[in-house]
Amino acid sequence: HGSSLKQIMAAIRYGFTSVMIDASTEPLEQNIAITKEVVALAHAVDVSVEGELGTIGTTGPEAEAGTEEII
């Protein structure tokens, strides 16, 4: 799990067979561009990629807002 191309490339050099790029702190378009770059580089050496597109939710009290309508 890395947040930069440098971290991902290090993981690949160390022999990991899959990597996770988390550029979710970037604007969505930049996140997508970074993820595409990682995918191109990783797939060239048969490494699978997971990307975090968008944002991860919160664990604070606002995380349960609206659950009454769902449940």
PDB file of N, CA and C in Angstrom:
ATOM      1  N   HIS A   1       0.869  -1.163   0.000  1.00  0.00           N
ATOM      2  CA  HIS A   1       0.000   0.000   0.000  1.00  0.00           C
ATOM      3  C   HIS A   1       0.912   1.220   0.000  1.00  0.00           C
ATOM      4  N   GLY A   2       0.911   1.938  -1.116  1.00  0.00           N
ATOM      5  CA  GLY A   2       1.756   3.117  -1.208  1.00  0.00           C
ATOM      6  C   GLY A   2       0.982   4.296  -1.755  1.00  0.00           C
ATOM      7  N   SER A   3       1.477   5.480  -1.453  1.00  0.00           N
ATOM      8  CA  SER A   3       0.790   6.691  -1.903  1.00  0.00           C
ATOM      9  C   SER A   3       1.577   7.450  -2.962  1.00  0.00           C
ATOM     10  N   SER A   4       2.680   6.852  -3.429  1.00  0.00           N
ATOM     11  CA  SER A   4       3.467   7.524  -4.462  1.00  0.00           C
ATOM     12  C   SER A   4       4.027   6.495  -5.434  1.00  0.00           C
ATOM     13  N   LEU A   5       4.334   6.966  -6.618  1.00  0.00           N
ATOM     14  CA  LEU A   5       4.945   6.101  -7.622  1.00  0.00           C
ATOM     15  C   LEU A   5       6.279   5.558  -7.110  1.00  0.00           C
ATOM     16  N   LYS A   6       7.024   6.369  -6.391  1.00  0.00           N
ATOM     17  CA  LYS A   6       8.316   5.943  -5.838  1.00  0.00           C
ATOM     18  C   LYS A   6       8.140   4.746  -4.901  1.00  0.00           C
ATOM     19  N   GLN A   7       7.142   4.795  -4.021  1.00  0.00           N
ATOM     20  CA  GLN A   7       6.893   3.686  -3.096  1.00  0.00           C
ATOM     21  C   GLN A   7       6.479   2.423  -3.850  1.00  0.00           C
ATOM     22  N   ILE A   8       5.637   2.592  -4.853  1.00  0.00           N
ATOM     23  CA  ILE A   8       5.167   1.443  -5.623  1.00  0.00           C
ATOM     24  C   ILE A   8       6.327   0.797  -6.377  1.00  0.00           C
ATOM     25  N   MET A   9       7.177   1.616  -6.998  1.00  0.00           N
ATOM     26  CA  MET A   9       8.314   1.076  -7.737  1.00  0.00           C
ATOM     27  C   MET A   9       9.278   0.350  -6.800  1.00  0.00           C
ATOM     28  N   ALA A  10       9.441   0.852  -5.592  1.00  0.00           N
ATOM     29  CA  ALA A  10      10.294   0.165  -4.613  1.00  0.00           C
ATOM     30  C   ALA A  10       9.709  -1.202  -4.282  1.00  0.00           C
ATOM     31  N   ALA A  11       8.407  -1.276  -4.087  1.00  0.00           N
ATOM     32  CA  ALA A  11       7.756  -2.553  -3.779  1.00  0.00           C
ATOM     33  C   ALA A  11       7.960  -3.552  -4.914  1.00  0.00           C
ATOM     34  N   ILE A  12       7.841  -3.070  -6.147  1.00  0.00           N
ATOM     35  CA  ILE A  12       8.047  -3.946  -7.302  1.00  0.00           C
ATOM     36  C   ILE A  12       9.497  -4.429  -7.343  1.00  0.00           C
ATOM     37  N   ARG A  13      10.440  -3.532  -7.100  1.00  0.00           N
ATOM     38  CA  ARG A  13      11.861  -3.920  -7.091  1.00  0.00           C
ATOM     39  C   ARG A  13      12.155  -4.942  -5.993  1.00  0.00           C
ATOM     40  N   TYR A  14      11.446  -4.846  -4.863  1.00  0.00           N
ATOM     41  CA  TYR A  14      11.653  -5.795  -3.765  1.00  0.00           C
ATOM     42  C   TYR A  14      10.980  -7.137  -4.017  1.00  0.00           C
ATOM     43  N   GLY A  15      10.244  -7.248  -5.124  1.00  0.00           N
ATOM     44  CA  GLY A  15       9.684  -8.539  -5.502  1.00  0.00           C
ATOM     45  C   GLY A  15       8.220  -8.762  -5.190  1.00  0.00           C
ATOM     46  N   PHE A  16       7.512  -7.738  -4.751  1.00  0.00           N
ATOM     47  CA  PHE A  16       6.086  -7.916  -4.509  1.00  0.00           C
ATOM     48  C   PHE A  16       5.384  -8.240  -5.821  1.00  0.00           C
ATOM     49  N   THR A  17       4.395  -9.116  -5.779  1.00  0.00           N
ATOM     50  CA  THR A  17       3.674  -9.509  -6.992  1.00  0.00           C
ATOM     51  C   THR A  17       2.363  -8.758  -7.158  1.00  0.00           C
ATOM     52  N   SER A  18       2.021  -7.960  -6.175  1.00  0.00           N
ATOM     53  CA  SER A  18       0.859  -7.072  -6.291  1.00  0.00           C
ATOM     54  C   SER A  18       1.134  -5.824  -5.461  1.00  0.00           C
ATOM     55  N   VAL A  19       0.553  -4.719  -5.890  1.00  0.00           N
ATOM     56  CA  VAL A  19       0.736  -3.444  -5.199  1.00  0.00           C
ATOM     57  C   VAL A  19      -0.604  -2.732  -5.107  1.00  0.00           C
ATOM     58  N   MET A  20      -0.696  -1.784  -4.184  1.00  0.00           N
ATOM     59  CA  MET A  20      -1.906  -0.983  -4.018  1.00  0.00           C
ATOM     60  C   MET A  20      -1.492   0.475  -4.016  1.00  0.00           C
ATOM     61  N   ILE A  21      -1.988   1.241  -4.985  1.00  0.00           N
ATOM     62  CA  ILE A  21      -1.701   2.671  -5.047  1.00  0.00           C
ATOM     63  C   ILE A  21      -2.876   3.431  -4.446  1.00  0.00           C
ATOM     64  N   ASP A  22      -2.587   4.268  -3.480  1.00  0.00           N
ATOM     65  CA  ASP A  22      -3.615   5.067  -2.814  1.00  0.00           C
ATOM     66  C   ASP A  22      -3.295   6.539  -3.029  1.00  0.00           C
ATOM     67  N   ALA A  23      -3.864   7.095  -4.084  1.00  0.00           N
ATOM     68  CA  ALA A  23      -3.692   8.519  -4.372  1.00  0.00           C
ATOM     69  C   ALA A  23      -4.983   9.265  -4.058  1.00  0.00           C
ATOM     70  N   SER A  24      -5.732   8.755  -3.079  1.00  0.00           N
ATOM     71  CA  SER A  24      -7.054   9.313  -2.761  1.00  0.00           C
ATOM     72  C   SER A  24      -6.994  10.714  -2.168  1.00  0.00           C
ATOM     73  N   THR A  25      -5.812  11.168  -1.778  1.00  0.00           N
ATOM     74  CA  THR A  25      -5.704  12.542  -1.275  1.00  0.00           C
ATOM     75  C   THR A  25      -5.603  13.545  -2.420  1.00  0.00           C
ATOM     76  N   GLU A  26      -5.408  13.049  -3.626  1.00  0.00           N
ATOM     77  CA  GLU A  26      -5.321  13.900  -4.817  1.00  0.00           C
ATOM     78  C   GLU A  26      -6.716  14.122  -5.398  1.00  0.00           C
ATOM     79  N   PRO A  27      -6.895  15.179  -6.192  1.00  0.00           N
ATOM     80  CA  PRO A  27      -8.159  15.329  -6.916  1.00  0.00           C
ATOM     81  C   PRO A  27      -8.390  14.091  -7.791  1.00  0.00           C
ATOM     82  N   LEU A  28      -9.641  13.754  -8.033  1.00  0.00           N
ATOM     83  CA  LEU A  28      -9.980  12.515  -8.723  1.00  0.00           C
ATOM     84  C   LEU A  28      -9.237  12.356 -10.049  1.00  0.00           C
ATOM     85  N   GLU A  29      -9.183  13.390 -10.866  1.00  0.00           N
ATOM     86  CA  GLU A  29      -8.515  13.274 -12.169  1.00  0.00           C
ATOM     87  C   GLU A  29      -7.030  12.948 -12.006  1.00  0.00           C
ATOM     88  N   GLN A  30      -6.375  13.562 -11.035  1.00  0.00           N
ATOM     89  CA  GLN A  30      -4.960  13.275 -10.770  1.00  0.00           C
ATOM     90  C   GLN A  30      -4.802  11.864 -10.215  1.00  0.00           C
ATOM     91  N   ASN A  31      -5.709  11.460  -9.350  1.00  0.00           N
ATOM     92  CA  ASN A  31      -5.708  10.116  -8.790  1.00  0.00           C
ATOM     93  C   ASN A  31      -5.778   9.089  -9.925  1.00  0.00           C
ATOM     94  N   ILE A  32      -6.687   9.304 -10.863  1.00  0.00           N
ATOM     95  CA  ILE A  32      -6.842   8.386 -11.993  1.00  0.00           C
ATOM     96  C   ILE A  32      -5.566   8.354 -12.828  1.00  0.00           C
ATOM     97  N   ALA A  33      -4.974   9.508 -13.089  1.00  0.00           N
ATOM     98  CA  ALA A  33      -3.746   9.570 -13.889  1.00  0.00           C
ATOM     99  C   ALA A  33      -2.601   8.814 -13.210  1.00  0.00           C
ATOM    100  N   ILE A  34      -2.442   8.999 -11.909  1.00  0.00           N
ATOM    101  CA  ILE A  34      -1.390   8.304 -11.159  1.00  0.00           C
ATOM    102  C   ILE A  34      -1.637   6.802 -11.197  1.00  0.00           C
ATOM    103  N   THR A  35      -2.881   6.406 -10.979  1.00  0.00           N
ATOM    104  CA  THR A  35      -3.228   4.987 -10.975  1.00  0.00           C
ATOM    105  C   THR A  35      -2.962   4.361 -12.336  1.00  0.00           C
ATOM    106  N   LYS A  36      -3.309   5.060 -13.411  1.00  0.00           N
ATOM    107  CA  LYS A  36      -3.037   4.545 -14.762  1.00  0.00           C
ATOM    108  C   LYS A  36      -1.543   4.353 -14.990  1.00  0.00           C
ATOM    109  N   GLU A  37      -0.746   5.296 -14.509  1.00  0.00           N
ATOM    110  CA  GLU A  37       0.706   5.186 -14.665  1.00  0.00           C
ATOM    111  C   GLU A  37       1.240   3.972 -13.911  1.00  0.00           C
ATOM    112  N   VAL A  38       0.755   3.779 -12.690  1.00  0.00           N
ATOM    113  CA  VAL A  38       1.170   2.619 -11.899  1.00  0.00           C
ATOM    114  C   VAL A  38       0.759   1.330 -12.604  1.00  0.00           C
ATOM    115  N   VAL A  39      -0.466   1.278 -13.110  1.00  0.00           N
ATOM    116  CA  VAL A  39      -0.947   0.081 -13.806  1.00  0.00           C
ATOM    117  C   VAL A  39      -0.053  -0.234 -15.004  1.00  0.00           C
ATOM    118  N   ALA A  40       0.263   0.763 -15.803  1.00  0.00           N
ATOM    119  CA  ALA A  40       1.100   0.535 -16.986  1.00  0.00           C
ATOM    120  C   ALA A  40       2.472  -0.017 -16.599  1.00  0.00           C
ATOM    121  N   LEU A  41       3.095   0.579 -15.594  1.00  0.00           N
ATOM    122  CA  LEU A  41       4.425   0.132 -15.174  1.00  0.00           C
ATOM    123  C   LEU A  41       4.378  -1.252 -14.529  1.00  0.00           C
ATOM    124  N   ALA A  42       3.404  -1.471 -13.665  1.00  0.00           N
ATOM    125  CA  ALA A  42       3.318  -2.742 -12.946  1.00  0.00           C
ATOM    126  C   ALA A  42       2.943  -3.894 -13.877  1.00  0.00           C
ATOM    127  N   HIS A  43       1.971  -3.675 -14.736  1.00  0.00           N
ATOM    128  CA  HIS A  43       1.549  -4.748 -15.634  1.00  0.00           C
ATOM    129  C   HIS A  43       2.658  -5.144 -16.604  1.00  0.00           C
ATOM    130  N   ALA A  44       3.554  -4.216 -16.916  1.00  0.00           N
ATOM    131  CA  ALA A  44       4.679  -4.524 -17.806  1.00  0.00           C
ATOM    132  C   ALA A  44       5.594  -5.593 -17.217  1.00  0.00           C
ATOM    133  N   VAL A  45       5.565  -5.751 -15.891  1.00  0.00           N
ATOM    134  CA  VAL A  45       6.385  -6.767 -15.225  1.00  0.00           C
ATOM    135  C   VAL A  45       5.512  -7.775 -14.470  1.00  0.00           C
ATOM    136  N   ASP A  46       4.276  -7.949 -14.949  1.00  0.00           N
ATOM    137  CA  ASP A  46       3.337  -8.949 -14.416  1.00  0.00           C
ATOM    138  C   ASP A  46       3.006  -8.771 -12.935  1.00  0.00           C
ATOM    139  N   VAL A  47       2.905  -7.532 -12.498  1.00  0.00           N
ATOM    140  CA  VAL A  47       2.500  -7.225 -11.124  1.00  0.00           C
ATOM    141  C   VAL A  47       1.072  -6.694 -11.168  1.00  0.00           C
ATOM    142  N   SER A  48       0.210  -7.246 -10.331  1.00  0.00           N
ATOM    143  CA  SER A  48      -1.176  -6.780 -10.291  1.00  0.00           C
ATOM    144  C   SER A  48      -1.284  -5.519  -9.436  1.00  0.00           C
ATOM    145  N   VAL A  49      -2.345  -4.747  -9.705  1.00  0.00           N
ATOM    146  CA  VAL A  49      -2.510  -3.441  -9.059  1.00  0.00           C
ATOM    147  C   VAL A  49      -3.920  -3.300  -8.510  1.00  0.00           C
ATOM    148  N   GLU A  50      -4.004  -2.767  -7.307  1.00  0.00           N
ATOM    149  CA  GLU A  50      -5.272  -2.318  -6.734  1.00  0.00           C
ATOM    150  C   GLU A  50      -5.154  -0.811  -6.573  1.00  0.00           C
ATOM    151  N   GLY A  51      -6.200  -0.091  -6.930  1.00  0.00           N
ATOM    152  CA  GLY A  51      -6.186   1.361  -6.798  1.00  0.00           C
ATOM    153  C   GLY A  51      -7.285   1.843  -5.882  1.00  0.00           C
ATOM    154  N   GLU A  52      -7.041   2.935  -5.202  1.00  0.00           N
ATOM    155  CA  GLU A  52      -8.038   3.574  -4.334  1.00  0.00           C
ATOM    156  C   GLU A  52      -8.523   4.815  -5.058  1.00  0.00           C
ATOM    157  N   LEU A  53      -9.587   4.653  -5.835  1.00  0.00           N
ATOM    158  CA  LEU A  53     -10.161   5.778  -6.571  1.00  0.00           C
ATOM    159  C   LEU A  53     -11.279   6.376  -5.738  1.00  0.00           C
ATOM    160  N   GLY A  54     -11.272   7.670  -5.601  1.00  0.00           N
ATOM    161  CA  GLY A  54     -12.237   8.325  -4.725  1.00  0.00           C
ATOM    162  C   GLY A  54     -11.651   8.444  -3.335  1.00  0.00           C
ATOM    163  N   THR A  55     -12.497   8.385  -2.347  1.00  0.00           N
ATOM    164  CA  THR A  55     -12.031   8.524  -0.970  1.00  0.00           C
ATOM    165  C   THR A  55     -12.570   7.392  -0.120  1.00  0.00           C
ATOM    166  N   ILE A  56     -11.911   7.156   0.979  1.00  0.00           N
ATOM    167  CA  ILE A  56     -12.362   6.170   1.952  1.00  0.00           C
ATOM    168  C   ILE A  56     -13.225   6.901   2.963  1.00  0.00           C
ATOM    169  N   GLY A  57     -14.263   6.248   3.413  1.00  0.00           N
ATOM    170  CA  GLY A  57     -15.164   6.862   4.383  1.00  0.00           C
ATOM    171  C   GLY A  57     -14.489   7.131   5.712  1.00  0.00           C
ATOM    172  N   THR A  58     -15.246   7.629   6.622  1.00  0.00           N
ATOM    173  CA  THR A  58     -14.739   7.999   7.932  1.00  0.00           C
ATOM    174  C   THR A  58     -15.202   6.993   8.974  1.00  0.00           C
ATOM    175  N   THR A  59     -14.574   7.021  10.127  1.00  0.00           N
ATOM    176  CA  THR A  59     -15.014   6.180  11.236  1.00  0.00           C
ATOM    177  C   THR A  59     -15.621   7.019  12.347  1.00  0.00           C
ATOM    178  N   GLY A  60     -15.716   8.314  12.125  1.00  0.00           N
ATOM    179  CA  GLY A  60     -16.288   9.204  13.130  1.00  0.00           C
ATOM    180  C   GLY A  60     -17.800   9.066  13.200  1.00  0.00           C
ATOM    181  N   PRO A  61     -18.444   9.857  14.061  1.00  0.00           N
ATOM    182  CA  PRO A  61     -19.891   9.755  14.238  1.00  0.00           C
ATOM    183  C   PRO A  61     -20.668  10.017  12.949  1.00  0.00           C
ATOM    184  N   GLU A  62     -20.101  10.812  12.042  1.00  0.00           N
ATOM    185  CA  GLU A  62     -20.795  11.091  10.784  1.00  0.00           C
ATOM    186  C   GLU A  62     -20.845   9.873   9.866  1.00  0.00           C
ATOM    187  N   ALA A  63     -20.077   8.832  10.182  1.00  0.00           N
ATOM    188  CA  ALA A  63     -20.065   7.626   9.353  1.00  0.00           C
ATOM    189  C   ALA A  63     -21.426   6.944   9.352  1.00  0.00           C
ATOM    190  N   GLU A  64     -22.193   7.115  10.416  1.00  0.00           N
ATOM    191  CA  GLU A  64     -23.487   6.451  10.511  1.00  0.00           C
ATOM    192  C   GLU A  64     -24.643   7.347  10.108  1.00  0.00           C
ATOM    193  N   ALA A  65     -24.337   8.545   9.646  1.00  0.00           N
ATOM    194  CA  ALA A  65     -25.402   9.453   9.214  1.00  0.00           C
ATOM    195  C   ALA A  65     -26.167   8.825   8.060  1.00  0.00           C
ATOM    196  N   GLY A  66     -27.471   8.802   8.160  1.00  0.00           N
ATOM    197  CA  GLY A  66     -28.309   8.278   7.093  1.00  0.00           C
ATOM    198  C   GLY A  66     -28.568   6.788   7.158  1.00  0.00           C
ATOM    199  N   THR A  67     -28.009   6.096   8.154  1.00  0.00           N
ATOM    200  CA  THR A  67     -28.222   4.649   8.200  1.00  0.00           C
ATOM    201  C   THR A  67     -29.670   4.276   8.488  1.00  0.00           C
ATOM    202  N   GLU A  68     -30.403   5.158   9.140  1.00  0.00           N
ATOM    203  CA  GLU A  68     -31.809   4.854   9.428  1.00  0.00           C
ATOM    204  C   GLU A  68     -32.595   4.647   8.141  1.00  0.00           C
ATOM    205  N   GLU A  69     -32.239   5.389   7.094  1.00  0.00           N
ATOM    206  CA  GLU A  69     -32.949   5.263   5.827  1.00  0.00           C
ATOM    207  C   GLU A  69     -32.572   3.986   5.093  1.00  0.00           C
ATOM    208  N   ILE A  70     -31.401   3.442   5.372  1.00  0.00           N
ATOM    209  CA  ILE A  70     -30.931   2.248   4.677  1.00  0.00           C
ATOM    210  C   ILE A  70     -31.410   0.986   5.369  1.00  0.00           C
ATOM    211  N   ILE A  71     -31.367   1.007   6.704  1.00  0.00           N
ATOM    212  CA  ILE A  71     -31.670  -0.215   7.473  1.00  0.00           C
ATOM    213  C   ILE A  71     -33.157  -0.344   7.702  1.00  0.00           C
TER     214      ILE A  71
END
